[in-house]
Amino acid sequence: MDGNIHWSLKYYDAARQLARVESYYPEVVRSKTRTRDRWSIVEHTRSDWERENERVVLLPSRRLPPLIEYLQGPKFFAFPTAGFNIFPGEPCSMFNANSTQIRRDDFVVDVTRPYSINVNYSVFLLGKDIDQELSLIEFRVLINPLASGTRE
């Protein structure tokens, strides 16, 4: 709500217990690591973290306007596009369907096909007057067949 969006990567141990969470904010990178029965938290400024790591944070380096400002005027933000391939008869490496629990308020897009596909998705925040109709959040999914036998 306040514009402090973030990405989080969650890492699980062999016993399928949450072991580490890395959260990437516009200005800070926070790592939480479980050691026995407690969590240790380490924070770095984003600029320091990016100098020491090969991963690039795909977020703006400033906090976004609060959501209320999108209702009041022409604002626009595009989250980075993500994509993955799905091959028939093989589990998708992007998700572990056996452990994913669908919640009542989840938005689910069925990408099941009898052929190999590439799925790309994007999310946009659109403020008032950006489009004829007010659309606060827009979600797009593009599903393309892969060339026969392609495994990239």
Protein backbone atom coordinates (compact mmCIF):
# COMPACT_ATOMS: atom_id res chain seq x y z
CA MET A 1 0.00 0.00 0.00
CA ASP A 2 2.85 2.41 0.83
CA GLY A 3 4.82 1.79 -2.39
CA ASN A 4 7.61 -0.20 -0.74
CA ILE A 5 7.26 -3.18 -3.09
CA HIS A 6 9.73 -6.05 -2.90
CA TRP A 7 10.65 -9.48 -4.26
CA SER A 8 11.39 -12.36 -1.91
CA LEU A 9 13.21 -15.60 -2.66
CA LYS A 10 12.58 -18.44 -0.23
CA TYR A 11 15.01 -21.32 0.22
CA TYR A 12 14.05 -24.63 1.82
CA ASP A 13 16.29 -27.29 3.37
CA ALA A 14 16.20 -31.04 2.66
CA ALA A 15 13.45 -31.47 5.28
CA ARG A 16 11.33 -28.91 3.37
CA GLN A 17 11.60 -26.37 6.18
CA LEU A 18 12.05 -22.70 5.36
CA ALA A 19 15.78 -22.04 5.85
CA ARG A 20 16.43 -18.63 4.28
CA VAL A 21 14.49 -15.66 2.89
CA GLU A 22 16.10 -12.95 0.75
CA SER A 23 13.94 -9.83 0.33
CA TYR A 24 14.86 -7.20 -2.24
CA TYR A 25 13.47 -3.71 -1.65
CA PRO A 26 14.16 -0.54 -3.63
CA GLU A 27 16.78 0.64 -1.11
CA VAL A 28 17.63 -2.42 1.05
CA VAL A 29 18.36 -6.14 0.68
CA ARG A 30 17.40 -8.17 3.76
CA SER A 31 18.52 -11.77 4.38
CA LYS A 32 16.85 -13.86 7.09
CA THR A 33 18.57 -17.18 7.88
CA ARG A 34 17.29 -19.83 10.28
CA THR A 35 19.88 -21.26 12.65
CA ARG A 36 18.51 -24.00 14.89
CA ASP A 37 15.56 -22.33 16.59
CA ARG A 38 16.00 -18.64 15.74
CA TRP A 39 16.34 -16.34 12.77
CA SER A 40 19.29 -14.03 12.11
CA ILE A 41 18.65 -10.94 9.98
CA VAL A 42 21.26 -9.07 7.95
CA GLU A 43 20.50 -5.91 5.96
CA HIS A 44 22.64 -4.24 3.30
CA THR A 45 22.00 -1.12 1.33
CA ARG A 46 20.99 -2.17 -2.15
CA SER A 47 23.96 -0.41 -3.76
CA ASP A 48 26.43 -2.26 -1.47
CA TRP A 49 24.70 -5.59 -2.06
CA GLU A 50 24.68 -5.18 -5.86
CA ARG A 51 28.41 -4.33 -5.85
CA GLU A 52 29.17 -7.64 -4.08
CA ASN A 53 26.71 -9.95 -5.90
CA GLU A 54 26.12 -10.98 -9.49
CA ARG A 55 22.32 -10.82 -9.17
CA VAL A 56 20.63 -7.63 -10.27
CA VAL A 57 17.54 -6.47 -8.40
CA LEU A 58 14.79 -5.94 -10.96
CA LEU A 59 13.10 -3.14 -9.06
CA PRO A 60 13.43 0.61 -9.28
CA SER A 61 16.01 2.02 -6.89
CA ARG A 62 13.41 4.30 -5.32
CA ARG A 63 10.17 3.65 -3.50
CA LEU A 64 7.08 3.81 -5.72
CA PRO A 65 4.24 6.22 -4.99
CA PRO A 66 1.62 4.86 -2.55
CA LEU A 67 -1.30 3.05 -4.22
CA ILE A 68 -3.67 5.90 -3.37
CA GLU A 69 -1.76 8.14 -5.79
CA TYR A 70 -2.58 5.74 -8.66
CA LEU A 71 -6.26 6.45 -7.99
CA GLN A 72 -5.72 10.20 -8.15
CA GLY A 73 -3.72 10.73 -11.33
CA PRO A 74 -1.81 9.35 -14.31
CA LYS A 75 0.83 7.04 -12.87
CA PHE A 76 2.27 3.88 -14.42
CA PHE A 77 4.58 1.12 -13.22
CA ALA A 78 5.50 -2.10 -15.03
CA PHE A 79 6.85 -4.96 -12.95
CA PRO A 80 9.63 -6.86 -14.77
CA THR A 81 8.32 -9.52 -17.15
CA ALA A 82 9.06 -13.12 -16.24
CA GLY A 83 8.87 -16.23 -18.36
CA PHE A 84 9.38 -19.98 -18.28
CA ASN A 85 9.00 -23.06 -20.49
CA ILE A 86 6.68 -26.02 -19.91
CA PHE A 87 7.19 -29.41 -21.55
CA PRO A 88 4.39 -32.01 -21.63
CA GLY A 89 4.76 -34.80 -19.09
CA GLU A 90 7.53 -32.99 -17.17
CA PRO A 91 7.20 -30.94 -13.98
CA CYS A 92 7.72 -27.24 -14.55
CA SER A 93 11.02 -26.14 -13.05
CA MET A 94 9.48 -22.77 -12.14
CA PHE A 95 6.98 -24.22 -9.67
CA ASN A 96 6.72 -27.26 -7.45
CA ALA A 97 3.09 -28.20 -8.08
CA ASN A 98 3.19 -30.90 -5.41
CA SER A 99 3.79 -28.37 -2.64
CA THR A 100 1.88 -25.37 -3.99
CA GLN A 101 -1.39 -24.87 -2.16
CA ILE A 102 -3.96 -22.86 -4.10
CA ARG A 103 -5.72 -20.38 -1.85
CA ARG A 104 -9.29 -19.18 -2.29
CA ASP A 105 -8.25 -15.72 -3.47
CA ASP A 106 -5.44 -16.83 -5.85
CA PHE A 107 -5.66 -15.89 -9.52
CA VAL A 108 -4.90 -19.11 -11.47
CA VAL A 109 -4.09 -19.29 -15.18
CA ASP A 110 -4.24 -22.82 -16.61
CA VAL A 111 -1.25 -23.22 -18.93
CA THR A 112 -1.68 -26.97 -19.51
CA ARG A 113 -1.18 -27.83 -23.18
CA PRO A 114 -0.42 -31.11 -25.04
CA TYR A 115 2.67 -29.44 -26.57
CA SER A 116 5.69 -27.47 -25.32
CA ILE A 117 5.03 -23.82 -24.55
CA ASN A 118 6.68 -20.66 -23.31
CA VAL A 119 4.72 -18.59 -20.77
CA ASN A 120 5.46 -14.89 -20.21
CA TYR A 121 3.59 -12.76 -17.71
CA SER A 122 3.55 -9.09 -16.83
CA VAL A 123 1.87 -6.97 -14.19
CA PHE A 124 1.20 -3.24 -14.47
CA LEU A 125 -0.06 -0.59 -12.06
CA LEU A 126 -2.15 1.90 -14.01
CA GLY A 127 -3.25 5.20 -12.54
CA LYS A 128 -6.36 7.22 -13.29
CA ASP A 129 -6.56 8.51 -16.88
CA ILE A 130 -3.80 6.24 -18.21
CA ASP A 131 -6.52 4.33 -20.05
CA GLN A 132 -10.18 5.08 -20.78
CA GLU A 133 -11.20 2.73 -17.97
CA LEU A 134 -9.61 2.89 -14.56
CA SER A 135 -7.52 -0.26 -14.15
CA LEU A 136 -5.47 -0.26 -11.01
CA ILE A 137 -3.75 -3.61 -11.62
CA GLU A 138 -3.42 -5.25 -15.02
CA PHE A 139 -2.14 -8.82 -15.40
CA ARG A 140 -1.14 -10.17 -18.84
CA VAL A 141 -0.21 -13.72 -19.77
CA LEU A 142 1.21 -14.64 -23.18
CA ILE A 143 1.39 -18.33 -24.08
CA ASN A 144 3.43 -19.29 -27.16
CA PRO A 145 4.09 -22.77 -28.58
CA LEU A 146 7.76 -23.72 -28.73
CA ALA A 147 9.23 -25.00 -31.96
CA SER A 148 9.05 -28.80 -32.12
CA GLY A 149 11.81 -30.37 -30.03
CA THR A 150 13.12 -27.06 -28.67
CA ARG A 151 14.45 -27.33 -25.11
CA GLU A 152 15.86 -23.90 -24.24
